[in-house]
Amino acid sequence: MSEETASAAKGSDAVCVFVNDKLDESCIEQLKKVNVRFIALRCAGWNNVDIRAAQANEIKVVRVPAYSPAAVAEHAVALLLTLNRKIHRAYNRVREGNFTLVLDLSVLI
């Protein structure tokens, strides 16, 4: 989300943004022009949003107050499984269009 992409929210009551999105005053003003009333953050922090500009433009800002410790643990297990099952290598092979079946599993190691 940026000032240049804010017009894509036309017809929406809310936008959902992440930590890499910068909602500065000019971006928030563009959101106001397309009648956005809510900004939902998919993160715990709000340092990427100009809160004063949102208040001045009557746009409510909501965020995730805290992440679940169980979700963090589940993600760690998923990363371990990715390494164990060599999913990262399989992903690259598919992306390159290599769909050959490998009968010798030592090739994957």
PDB file of N, CA and C in Angstrom:
ATOM      1  N   MET A   1       0.853  -1.173   0.000  1.00  0.00           N
ATOM      2  CA  MET A   1       0.000   0.000   0.000  1.00  0.00           C
ATOM      3  C   MET A   1       0.897   1.235   0.000  1.00  0.00           C
ATOM      4  N   SER A   2       0.575   2.129  -0.855  1.00  0.00           N
ATOM      5  CA  SER A   2       1.288   3.404  -0.934  1.00  0.00           C
ATOM      6  C   SER A   2       0.339   4.444  -1.523  1.00  0.00           C
ATOM      7  N   GLU A   3       0.816   5.654  -1.636  1.00  0.00           N
ATOM      8  CA  GLU A   3      -0.001   6.708  -2.225  1.00  0.00           C
ATOM      9  C   GLU A   3      -0.407   6.345  -3.656  1.00  0.00           C
ATOM     10  N   GLU A   4       0.507   5.706  -4.391  1.00  0.00           N
ATOM     11  CA  GLU A   4       0.244   5.343  -5.780  1.00  0.00           C
ATOM     12  C   GLU A   4      -0.772   4.207  -5.913  1.00  0.00           C
ATOM     13  N   THR A   5      -0.830   3.306  -4.943  1.00  0.00           N
ATOM     14  CA  THR A   5      -1.716   2.147  -5.052  1.00  0.00           C
ATOM     15  C   THR A   5      -3.008   2.302  -4.255  1.00  0.00           C
ATOM     16  N   ALA A   6      -3.157   3.371  -3.516  1.00  0.00           N
ATOM     17  CA  ALA A   6      -4.335   3.558  -2.661  1.00  0.00           C
ATOM     18  C   ALA A   6      -5.633   3.611  -3.464  1.00  0.00           C
ATOM     19  N   SER A   7      -5.570   4.059  -4.692  1.00  0.00           N
ATOM     20  CA  SER A   7      -6.795   4.146  -5.498  1.00  0.00           C
ATOM     21  C   SER A   7      -7.381   2.769  -5.808  1.00  0.00           C
ATOM     22  N   ALA A   8      -6.587   1.717  -5.671  1.00  0.00           N
ATOM     23  CA  ALA A   8      -7.088   0.362  -5.909  1.00  0.00           C
ATOM     24  C   ALA A   8      -8.123  -0.046  -4.857  1.00  0.00           C
ATOM     25  N   ALA A   9      -8.192   0.677  -3.758  1.00  0.00           N
ATOM     26  CA  ALA A   9      -9.149   0.377  -2.694  1.00  0.00           C
ATOM     27  C   ALA A   9     -10.525   0.981  -2.963  1.00  0.00           C
ATOM     28  N   LYS A  10     -10.694   1.603  -4.113  1.00  0.00           N
ATOM     29  CA  LYS A  10     -11.982   2.232  -4.434  1.00  0.00           C
ATOM     30  C   LYS A  10     -13.100   1.198  -4.355  1.00  0.00           C
ATOM     31  N   GLY A  11     -14.169   1.544  -3.655  1.00  0.00           N
ATOM     32  CA  GLY A  11     -15.299   0.656  -3.488  1.00  0.00           C
ATOM     33  C   GLY A  11     -15.204  -0.236  -2.260  1.00  0.00           C
ATOM     34  N   SER A  12     -14.107  -0.110  -1.517  1.00  0.00           N
ATOM     35  CA  SER A  12     -13.917  -0.912  -0.298  1.00  0.00           C
ATOM     36  C   SER A  12     -14.079  -0.041   0.935  1.00  0.00           C
ATOM     37  N   ASP A  13     -14.614  -0.626   1.985  1.00  0.00           N
ATOM     38  CA  ASP A  13     -14.731   0.092   3.253  1.00  0.00           C
ATOM     39  C   ASP A  13     -13.442   0.041   4.057  1.00  0.00           C
ATOM     40  N   ALA A  14     -12.611  -0.984   3.789  1.00  0.00           N
ATOM     41  CA  ALA A  14     -11.402  -1.185   4.587  1.00  0.00           C
ATOM     42  C   ALA A  14     -10.262  -1.686   3.722  1.00  0.00           C
ATOM     43  N   VAL A  15      -9.048  -1.468   4.223  1.00  0.00           N
ATOM     44  CA  VAL A  15      -7.855  -2.049   3.617  1.00  0.00           C
ATOM     45  C   VAL A  15      -7.121  -2.834   4.698  1.00  0.00           C
ATOM     46  N   CYS A  16      -6.441  -3.878   4.290  1.00  0.00           N
ATOM     47  CA  CYS A  16      -5.670  -4.715   5.205  1.00  0.00           C
ATOM     48  C   CYS A  16      -4.216  -4.632   4.764  1.00  0.00           C
ATOM     49  N   VAL A  17      -3.358  -4.100   5.613  1.00  0.00           N
ATOM     50  CA  VAL A  17      -1.969  -3.847   5.233  1.00  0.00           C
ATOM     51  C   VAL A  17      -1.015  -4.598   6.152  1.00  0.00           C
ATOM     52  N   PHE A  18       0.249  -4.677   5.722  1.00  0.00           N
ATOM     53  CA  PHE A  18       1.268  -5.397   6.470  1.00  0.00           C
ATOM     54  C   PHE A  18       2.401  -4.449   6.827  1.00  0.00           C
ATOM     55  N   VAL A  19       3.433  -4.963   7.461  1.00  0.00           N
ATOM     56  CA  VAL A  19       4.501  -4.124   8.009  1.00  0.00           C
ATOM     57  C   VAL A  19       5.294  -3.372   6.943  1.00  0.00           C
ATOM     58  N   ASN A  20       5.358  -3.871   5.727  1.00  0.00           N
ATOM     59  CA  ASN A  20       6.133  -3.204   4.678  1.00  0.00           C
ATOM     60  C   ASN A  20       5.369  -2.071   4.002  1.00  0.00           C
ATOM     61  N   ASP A  21       4.087  -1.963   4.261  1.00  0.00           N
ATOM     62  CA  ASP A  21       3.283  -0.894   3.677  1.00  0.00           C
ATOM     63  C   ASP A  21       3.479   0.385   4.477  1.00  0.00           C
ATOM     64  N   LYS A  22       3.653   1.489   3.762  1.00  0.00           N
ATOM     65  CA  LYS A  22       3.841   2.789   4.418  1.00  0.00           C
ATOM     66  C   LYS A  22       2.600   3.645   4.201  1.00  0.00           C
ATOM     67  N   LEU A  23       1.846   3.837   5.261  1.00  0.00           N
ATOM     68  CA  LEU A  23       0.645   4.651   5.180  1.00  0.00           C
ATOM     69  C   LEU A  23       0.940   6.019   5.785  1.00  0.00           C
ATOM     70  N   ASP A  24       1.568   6.857   4.995  1.00  0.00           N
ATOM     71  CA  ASP A  24       1.861   8.210   5.446  1.00  0.00           C
ATOM     72  C   ASP A  24       0.653   9.106   5.186  1.00  0.00           C
ATOM     73  N   GLU A  25       0.806  10.374   5.472  1.00  0.00           N
ATOM     74  CA  GLU A  25      -0.325  11.305   5.354  1.00  0.00           C
ATOM     75  C   GLU A  25      -0.902  11.343   3.940  1.00  0.00           C
ATOM     76  N   SER A  26      -0.062  11.370   2.926  1.00  0.00           N
ATOM     77  CA  SER A  26      -0.564  11.446   1.552  1.00  0.00           C
ATOM     78  C   SER A  26      -1.303  10.165   1.159  1.00  0.00           C
ATOM     79  N   CYS A  27      -0.822   9.019   1.609  1.00  0.00           N
ATOM     80  CA  CYS A  27      -1.509   7.753   1.329  1.00  0.00           C
ATOM     81  C   CYS A  27      -2.875   7.720   2.006  1.00  0.00           C
ATOM     82  N   ILE A  28      -2.917   8.153   3.249  1.00  0.00           N
ATOM     83  CA  ILE A  28      -4.180   8.165   3.990  1.00  0.00           C
ATOM     84  C   ILE A  28      -5.180   9.130   3.357  1.00  0.00           C
ATOM     85  N   GLU A  29      -4.698  10.252   2.863  1.00  0.00           N
ATOM     86  CA  GLU A  29      -5.590  11.193   2.177  1.00  0.00           C
ATOM     87  C   GLU A  29      -6.168  10.558   0.905  1.00  0.00           C
ATOM     88  N   GLN A  30      -5.359   9.774   0.197  1.00  0.00           N
ATOM     89  CA  GLN A  30      -5.858   9.071  -0.990  1.00  0.00           C
ATOM     90  C   GLN A  30      -6.912   8.035  -0.605  1.00  0.00           C
ATOM     91  N   LEU A  31      -6.687   7.351   0.527  1.00  0.00           N
ATOM     92  CA  LEU A  31      -7.682   6.381   1.003  1.00  0.00           C
ATOM     93  C   LEU A  31      -8.988   7.078   1.358  1.00  0.00           C
ATOM     94  N   LYS A  32      -8.888   8.252   1.949  1.00  0.00           N
ATOM     95  CA  LYS A  32     -10.094   9.025   2.294  1.00  0.00           C
ATOM     96  C   LYS A  32     -10.874   9.406   1.027  1.00  0.00           C
ATOM     97  N   LYS A  33     -10.146   9.747  -0.038  1.00  0.00           N
ATOM     98  CA  LYS A  33     -10.798  10.141  -1.296  1.00  0.00           C
ATOM     99  C   LYS A  33     -11.610   8.993  -1.906  1.00  0.00           C
ATOM    100  N   VAL A  34     -11.194   7.750  -1.661  1.00  0.00           N
ATOM    101  CA  VAL A  34     -11.939   6.603  -2.206  1.00  0.00           C
ATOM    102  C   VAL A  34     -12.862   5.996  -1.151  1.00  0.00           C
ATOM    103  N   ASN A  35     -13.111   6.749  -0.070  1.00  0.00           N
ATOM    104  CA  ASN A  35     -14.083   6.403   0.976  1.00  0.00           C
ATOM    105  C   ASN A  35     -13.724   5.180   1.825  1.00  0.00           C
ATOM    106  N   VAL A  36     -12.448   4.949   2.040  1.00  0.00           N
ATOM    107  CA  VAL A  36     -12.024   3.893   2.965  1.00  0.00           C
ATOM    108  C   VAL A  36     -12.231   4.412   4.381  1.00  0.00           C
ATOM    109  N   ARG A  37     -12.807   3.565   5.252  1.00  0.00           N
ATOM    110  CA  ARG A  37     -13.099   3.987   6.626  1.00  0.00           C
ATOM    111  C   ARG A  37     -12.276   3.256   7.678  1.00  0.00           C
ATOM    112  N   PHE A  38     -11.648   2.135   7.289  1.00  0.00           N
ATOM    113  CA  PHE A  38     -10.879   1.333   8.245  1.00  0.00           C
ATOM    114  C   PHE A  38      -9.553   0.902   7.640  1.00  0.00           C
ATOM    115  N   ILE A  39      -8.524   0.898   8.472  1.00  0.00           N
ATOM    116  CA  ILE A  39      -7.226   0.327   8.118  1.00  0.00           C
ATOM    117  C   ILE A  39      -6.978  -0.798   9.110  1.00  0.00           C
ATOM    118  N   ALA A  40      -6.842  -2.022   8.599  1.00  0.00           N
ATOM    119  CA  ALA A  40      -6.552  -3.179   9.449  1.00  0.00           C
ATOM    120  C   ALA A  40      -5.096  -3.576   9.225  1.00  0.00           C
ATOM    121  N   LEU A  41      -4.358  -3.660  10.315  1.00  0.00           N
ATOM    122  CA  LEU A  41      -2.949  -4.035  10.242  1.00  0.00           C
ATOM    123  C   LEU A  41      -2.786  -5.509  10.568  1.00  0.00           C
ATOM    124  N   ARG A  42      -2.036  -6.233   9.746  1.00  0.00           N
ATOM    125  CA  ARG A  42      -1.755  -7.645  10.006  1.00  0.00           C
ATOM    126  C   ARG A  42      -0.443  -7.771  10.782  1.00  0.00           C
ATOM    127  N   CYS A  43      -0.295  -6.958  11.791  1.00  0.00           N
ATOM    128  CA  CYS A  43       0.924  -6.954  12.599  1.00  0.00           C
ATOM    129  C   CYS A  43       0.606  -6.326  13.950  1.00  0.00           C
ATOM    130  N   ALA A  44       1.518  -6.471  14.895  1.00  0.00           N
ATOM    131  CA  ALA A  44       1.287  -5.928  16.230  1.00  0.00           C
ATOM    132  C   ALA A  44       1.628  -4.438  16.306  1.00  0.00           C
ATOM    133  N   GLY A  45       2.596  -4.002  15.539  1.00  0.00           N
ATOM    134  CA  GLY A  45       3.024  -2.601  15.585  1.00  0.00           C
ATOM    135  C   GLY A  45       2.196  -1.718  14.671  1.00  0.00           C
ATOM    136  N   TRP A  46       2.364  -0.414  14.834  1.00  0.00           N
ATOM    137  CA  TRP A  46       1.637   0.543  13.990  1.00  0.00           C
ATOM    138  C   TRP A  46       2.539   1.699  13.567  1.00  0.00           C
ATOM    139  N   ASN A  47       3.849   1.501  13.655  1.00  0.00           N
ATOM    140  CA  ASN A  47       4.788   2.573  13.324  1.00  0.00           C
ATOM    141  C   ASN A  47       4.806   2.918  11.838  1.00  0.00           C
ATOM    142  N   ASN A  48       4.208   2.105  10.987  1.00  0.00           N
ATOM    143  CA  ASN A  48       4.155   2.396   9.555  1.00  0.00           C
ATOM    144  C   ASN A  48       2.894   3.156   9.151  1.00  0.00           C
ATOM    145  N   VAL A  49       2.096   3.561  10.130  1.00  0.00           N
ATOM    146  CA  VAL A  49       0.852   4.293   9.856  1.00  0.00           C
ATOM    147  C   VAL A  49       0.900   5.645  10.561  1.00  0.00           C
ATOM    148  N   ASP A  50       0.566   6.685   9.839  1.00  0.00           N
ATOM    149  CA  ASP A  50       0.468   8.017  10.437  1.00  0.00           C
ATOM    150  C   ASP A  50      -0.892   8.098  11.148  1.00  0.00           C
ATOM    151  N   ILE A  51      -0.865   7.815  12.441  1.00  0.00           N
ATOM    152  CA  ILE A  51      -2.104   7.745  13.229  1.00  0.00           C
ATOM    153  C   ILE A  51      -2.811   9.099  13.263  1.00  0.00           C
ATOM    154  N   ARG A  52      -2.062  10.168  13.387  1.00  0.00           N
ATOM    155  CA  ARG A  52      -2.685  11.509  13.426  1.00  0.00           C
ATOM    156  C   ARG A  52      -3.412  11.813  12.118  1.00  0.00           C
ATOM    157  N   ALA A  53      -2.799  11.445  11.003  1.00  0.00           N
ATOM    158  CA  ALA A  53      -3.457  11.662   9.706  1.00  0.00           C
ATOM    159  C   ALA A  53      -4.710  10.805   9.592  1.00  0.00           C
ATOM    160  N   ALA A  54      -4.661   9.587  10.094  1.00  0.00           N
ATOM    161  CA  ALA A  54      -5.848   8.724  10.068  1.00  0.00           C
ATOM    162  C   ALA A  54      -6.964   9.331  10.904  1.00  0.00           C
ATOM    163  N   GLN A  55      -6.625   9.830  12.084  1.00  0.00           N
ATOM    164  CA  GLN A  55      -7.644  10.467  12.931  1.00  0.00           C
ATOM    165  C   GLN A  55      -8.205  11.711  12.260  1.00  0.00           C
ATOM    166  N   ALA A  56      -7.347  12.510  11.663  1.00  0.00           N
ATOM    167  CA  ALA A  56      -7.803  13.737  10.998  1.00  0.00           C
ATOM    168  C   ALA A  56      -8.726  13.429   9.827  1.00  0.00           C
ATOM    169  N   ASN A  57      -8.515  12.281   9.182  1.00  0.00           N
ATOM    170  CA  ASN A  57      -9.351  11.877   8.045  1.00  0.00           C
ATOM    171  C   ASN A  57     -10.475  10.929   8.439  1.00  0.00           C
ATOM    172  N   GLU A  58     -10.691  10.774   9.753  1.00  0.00           N
ATOM    173  CA  GLU A  58     -11.758   9.938  10.303  1.00  0.00           C
ATOM    174  C   GLU A  58     -11.686   8.497   9.806  1.00  0.00           C
ATOM    175  N   ILE A  59     -10.468   7.951   9.772  1.00  0.00           N
ATOM    176  CA  ILE A  59     -10.244   6.557   9.395  1.00  0.00           C
ATOM    177  C   ILE A  59      -9.781   5.817  10.646  1.00  0.00           C
ATOM    178  N   LYS A  60     -10.497   4.767  11.002  1.00  0.00           N
ATOM    179  CA  LYS A  60     -10.149   3.967  12.177  1.00  0.00           C
ATOM    180  C   LYS A  60      -9.020   3.007  11.822  1.00  0.00           C
ATOM    181  N   VAL A  61      -8.109   2.784  12.788  1.00  0.00           N
ATOM    182  CA  VAL A  61      -6.982   1.873  12.606  1.00  0.00           C
ATOM    183  C   VAL A  61      -7.077   0.776  13.657  1.00  0.00           C
ATOM    184  N   VAL A  62      -7.037  -0.472  13.204  1.00  0.00           N
ATOM    185  CA  VAL A  62      -7.062  -1.615  14.125  1.00  0.00           C
ATOM    186  C   VAL A  62      -5.839  -2.479  13.837  1.00  0.00           C
ATOM    187  N   ARG A  63      -5.404  -3.237  14.874  1.00  0.00           N
ATOM    188  CA  ARG A  63      -4.203  -4.045  14.724  1.00  0.00           C
ATOM    189  C   ARG A  63      -4.330  -5.331  15.517  1.00  0.00           C
ATOM    190  N   VAL A  64      -3.368  -6.218  15.335  1.00  0.00           N
ATOM    191  CA  VAL A  64      -3.280  -7.453  16.108  1.00  0.00           C
ATOM    192  C   VAL A  64      -2.583  -7.089  17.421  1.00  0.00           C
ATOM    193  N   PRO A  65      -3.240  -7.250  18.564  1.00  0.00           N
ATOM    194  CA  PRO A  65      -2.600  -6.839  19.817  1.00  0.00           C
ATOM    195  C   PRO A  65      -1.409  -7.707  20.204  1.00  0.00           C
ATOM    196  N   ALA A  66      -1.434  -8.981  19.852  1.00  0.00           N
ATOM    197  CA  ALA A  66      -0.322  -9.880  20.177  1.00  0.00           C
ATOM    198  C   ALA A  66      -0.448 -11.136  19.325  1.00  0.00           C
ATOM    199  N   TYR A  67       0.674 -11.762  19.078  1.00  0.00           N
ATOM    200  CA  TYR A  67       0.665 -13.014  18.335  1.00  0.00           C
ATOM    201  C   TYR A  67       0.561 -14.182  19.294  1.00  0.00           C
ATOM    202  N   SER A  68      -0.044 -15.241  18.840  1.00  0.00           N
ATOM    203  CA  SER A  68      -0.198 -16.442  19.639  1.00  0.00           C
ATOM    204  C   SER A  68       1.135 -17.171  19.742  1.00  0.00           C
ATOM    205  N   PRO A  69       1.578 -17.524  20.951  1.00  0.00           N
ATOM    206  CA  PRO A  69       2.813 -18.306  21.074  1.00  0.00           C
ATOM    207  C   PRO A  69       2.707 -19.646  20.352  1.00  0.00           C
ATOM    208  N   ALA A  70       1.517 -20.209  20.305  1.00  0.00           N
ATOM    209  CA  ALA A  70       1.335 -21.478  19.597  1.00  0.00           C
ATOM    210  C   ALA A  70       1.577 -21.292  18.101  1.00  0.00           C
ATOM    211  N   ALA A  71       1.162 -20.171  17.539  1.00  0.00           N
ATOM    212  CA  ALA A  71       1.366 -19.924  16.115  1.00  0.00           C
ATOM    213  C   ALA A  71       2.855 -19.822  15.795  1.00  0.00           C
ATOM    214  N   VAL A  72       3.619 -19.213  16.667  1.00  0.00           N
ATOM    215  CA  VAL A  72       5.063 -19.104  16.454  1.00  0.00           C
ATOM    216  C   VAL A  72       5.695 -20.491  16.495  1.00  0.00           C
ATOM    217  N   ALA A  73       5.292 -21.315  17.452  1.00  0.00           N
ATOM    218  CA  ALA A  73       5.821 -22.677  17.555  1.00  0.00           C
ATOM    219  C   ALA A  73       5.441 -23.506  16.333  1.00  0.00           C
ATOM    220  N   GLU A  74       4.205 -23.366  15.866  1.00  0.00           N
ATOM    221  CA  GLU A  74       3.768 -24.101  14.681  1.00  0.00           C
ATOM    222  C   GLU A  74       4.583 -23.704  13.460  1.00  0.00           C
ATOM    223  N   HIS A  75       4.883 -22.429  13.342  1.00  0.00           N
ATOM    224  CA  HIS A  75       5.688 -21.959  12.217  1.00  0.00           C
ATOM    225  C   HIS A  75       7.101 -22.532  12.289  1.00  0.00           C
ATOM    226  N   ALA A  76       7.668 -22.596  13.484  1.00  0.00           N
ATOM    227  CA  ALA A  76       9.005 -23.174  13.655  1.00  0.00           C
ATOM    228  C   ALA A  76       9.013 -24.643  13.233  1.00  0.00           C
ATOM    229  N   VAL A  77       7.996 -25.393  13.609  1.00  0.00           N
ATOM    230  CA  VAL A  77       7.900 -26.800  13.206  1.00  0.00           C
ATOM    231  C   VAL A  77       7.745 -26.909  11.682  1.00  0.00           C
ATOM    232  N   ALA A  78       6.968 -26.024  11.095  1.00  0.00           N
ATOM    233  CA  ALA A  78       6.794 -26.042   9.640  1.00  0.00           C
ATOM    234  C   ALA A  78       8.123 -25.781   8.931  1.00  0.00           C
ATOM    235  N   LEU A  79       8.929 -24.876   9.471  1.00  0.00           N
ATOM    236  CA  LEU A  79      10.243 -24.620   8.874  1.00  0.00           C
ATOM    237  C   LEU A  79      11.149 -25.836   8.987  1.00  0.00           C
ATOM    238  N   LEU A  80      11.099 -26.520  10.131  1.00  0.00           N
ATOM    239  CA  LEU A  80      11.893 -27.741  10.297  1.00  0.00           C
ATOM    240  C   LEU A  80      11.456 -28.817   9.312  1.00  0.00           C
ATOM    241  N   LEU A  81      10.153 -28.970   9.132  1.00  0.00           N
ATOM    242  CA  LEU A  81       9.654 -29.948   8.165  1.00  0.00           C
ATOM    243  C   LEU A  81      10.063 -29.588   6.738  1.00  0.00           C
ATOM    244  N   THR A  82      10.098 -28.315   6.440  1.00  0.00           N
ATOM    245  CA  THR A  82      10.533 -27.866   5.113  1.00  0.00           C
ATOM    246  C   THR A  82      11.951 -28.327   4.841  1.00  0.00           C
ATOM    247  N   LEU A  83      12.823 -28.175   5.840  1.00  0.00           N
ATOM    248  CA  LEU A  83      14.205 -28.618   5.668  1.00  0.00           C
ATOM    249  C   LEU A  83      14.290 -30.140   5.590  1.00  0.00           C
ATOM    250  N   ASN A  84      13.577 -30.803   6.455  1.00  0.00           N
ATOM    251  CA  ASN A  84      13.616 -32.260   6.504  1.00  0.00           C
ATOM    252  C   ASN A  84      13.080 -32.892   5.218  1.00  0.00           C
ATOM    253  N   ARG A  85      12.011 -32.355   4.686  1.00  0.00           N
ATOM    254  CA  ARG A  85      11.371 -32.897   3.478  1.00  0.00           C
ATOM    255  C   ARG A  85      11.928 -32.291   2.192  1.00  0.00           C
ATOM    256  N   LYS A  86      12.869 -31.362   2.337  1.00  0.00           N
ATOM    257  CA  LYS A  86      13.520 -30.697   1.201  1.00  0.00           C
ATOM    258  C   LYS A  86      12.505 -30.001   0.281  1.00  0.00           C
ATOM    259  N   ILE A  87      11.506 -29.397   0.896  1.00  0.00           N
ATOM    260  CA  ILE A  87      10.459 -28.704   0.137  1.00  0.00           C
ATOM    261  C   ILE A  87      11.040 -27.522  -0.625  1.00  0.00           C
ATOM    262  N   HIS A  88      12.036 -26.867  -0.054  1.00  0.00           N
ATOM    263  CA  HIS A  88      12.646 -25.717  -0.725  1.00  0.00           C
ATOM    264  C   HIS A  88      13.291 -26.133  -2.049  1.00  0.00           C
ATOM    265  N   ARG A  89      13.912 -27.322  -2.080  1.00  0.00           N
ATOM    266  CA  ARG A  89      14.508 -27.810  -3.332  1.00  0.00           C
ATOM    267  C   ARG A  89      13.420 -28.197  -4.331  1.00  0.00           C
ATOM    268  N   ALA A  90      12.376 -28.843  -3.843  1.00  0.00           N
ATOM    269  CA  ALA A  90      11.276 -29.234  -4.728  1.00  0.00           C
ATOM    270  C   ALA A  90      10.604 -28.002  -5.321  1.00  0.00           C
ATOM    271  N   TYR A  91      10.448 -26.962  -4.519  1.00  0.00           N
ATOM    272  CA  TYR A  91       9.849 -25.717  -5.012  1.00  0.00           C
ATOM    273  C   TYR A  91      10.664 -25.149  -6.168  1.00  0.00           C
ATOM    274  N   ASN A  92      11.983 -25.111  -5.996  1.00  0.00           N
ATOM    275  CA  ASN A  92      12.840 -24.570  -7.055  1.00  0.00           C
ATOM    276  C   ASN A  92      12.786 -25.424  -8.311  1.00  0.00           C
ATOM    277  N   ARG A  93      12.742 -26.742  -8.164  1.00  0.00           N
ATOM    278  CA  ARG A  93      12.665 -27.622  -9.332  1.00  0.00           C
ATOM    279  C   ARG A  93      11.372 -27.373 -10.101  1.00  0.00           C
ATOM    280  N   VAL A  94      10.273 -27.245  -9.401  1.00  0.00           N
ATOM    281  CA  VAL A  94       8.987 -26.998 -10.064  1.00  0.00           C
ATOM    282  C   VAL A  94       8.999 -25.629 -10.739  1.00  0.00           C
ATOM    283  N   ARG A  95       9.542 -24.642 -10.064  1.00  0.00           N
ATOM    284  CA  ARG A  95       9.610 -23.299 -10.641  1.00  0.00           C
ATOM    285  C   ARG A  95      10.417 -23.294 -11.935  1.00  0.00           C
ATOM    286  N   GLU A  96      11.442 -24.136 -11.996  1.00  0.00           N
ATOM    287  CA  GLU A  96      12.273 -24.227 -13.203  1.00  0.00           C
ATOM    288  C   GLU A  96      11.668 -25.145 -14.263  1.00  0.00           C
ATOM    289  N   GLY A  97      10.518 -25.736 -13.961  1.00  0.00           N
ATOM    290  CA  GLY A  97       9.865 -26.622 -14.923  1.00  0.00           C
ATOM    291  C   GLY A  97      10.441 -28.019 -14.935  1.00  0.00           C
ATOM    292  N   ASN A  98      11.168 -28.396 -13.903  1.00  0.00           N
ATOM    293  CA  ASN A  98      11.784 -29.718 -13.821  1.00  0.00           C
ATOM    294  C   ASN A  98      10.853 -30.641 -13.042  1.00  0.00           C
ATOM    295  N   PHE A  99      10.092 -31.460 -13.765  1.00  0.00           N
ATOM    296  CA  PHE A  99       9.135 -32.367 -13.151  1.00  0.00           C
ATOM    297  C   PHE A  99       9.597 -33.818 -13.199  1.00  0.00           C
ATOM    298  N   THR A 100      10.896 -34.027 -13.439  1.00  0.00           N
ATOM    299  CA  THR A 100      11.405 -35.397 -13.519  1.00  0.00           C
ATOM    300  C   THR A 100      11.335 -36.072 -12.153  1.00  0.00           C
ATOM    301  N   LEU A 101      11.046 -37.358 -12.174  1.00  0.00           N
ATOM    302  CA  LEU A 101      11.024 -38.131 -10.942  1.00  0.00           C
ATOM    303  C   LEU A 101      12.421 -38.652 -10.660  1.00  0.00           C
ATOM    304  N   VAL A 102      12.876 -38.489  -9.460  1.00  0.00           N
ATOM    305  CA  VAL A 102      14.199 -38.933  -9.058  1.00  0.00           C
ATOM    306  C   VAL A 102      14.047 -40.255  -8.320  1.00  0.00           C
ATOM    307  N   LEU A 103      14.619 -41.303  -8.864  1.00  0.00           N
ATOM    308  CA  LEU A 103      14.529 -42.602  -8.225  1.00  0.00           C
ATOM    309  C   LEU A 103      15.645 -42.782  -7.204  1.00  0.00           C
ATOM    310  N   ASP A 104      16.790 -42.150  -7.418  1.00  0.00           N
ATOM    311  CA  ASP A 104      17.903 -42.232  -6.485  1.00  0.00           C
ATOM    312  C   ASP A 104      17.778 -41.080  -5.498  1.00  0.00           C
ATOM    313  N   LEU A 105      17.346 -41.365  -4.290  1.00  0.00           N
ATOM    314  CA  LEU A 105      17.101 -40.309  -3.294  1.00  0.00           C
ATOM    315  C   LEU A 105      18.375 -39.616  -2.861  1.00  0.00           C
ATOM    316  N   SER A 106      19.531 -40.206  -3.070  1.00  0.00           N
ATOM    317  CA  SER A 106      20.780 -39.544  -2.681  1.00  0.00           C
ATOM    318  C   SER A 106      21.026 -38.298  -3.510  1.00  0.00           C
ATOM    319  N   VAL A 107      20.371 -38.184  -4.679  1.00  0.00           N
ATOM    320  CA  VAL A 107      20.492 -36.995  -5.520  1.00  0.00           C
ATOM    321  C   VAL A 107      19.901 -35.784  -4.803  1.00  0.00           C
ATOM    322  N   LEU A 108      18.894 -35.992  -3.990  1.00  0.00           N
ATOM    323  CA  LEU A 108      18.227 -34.898  -3.299  1.00  0.00           C
ATOM    324  C   LEU A 108      18.999 -34.383  -2.100  1.00  0.00           C
ATOM    325  N   ILE A 109      19.956 -35.150  -1.624  1.00  0.00           N
ATOM    326  CA  ILE A 109      20.684 -34.764  -0.399  1.00  0.00           C
ATOM    327  C   ILE A 109      21.762 -33.757  -0.701  1.00  0.00           C
TER     328      ILE A 109
END
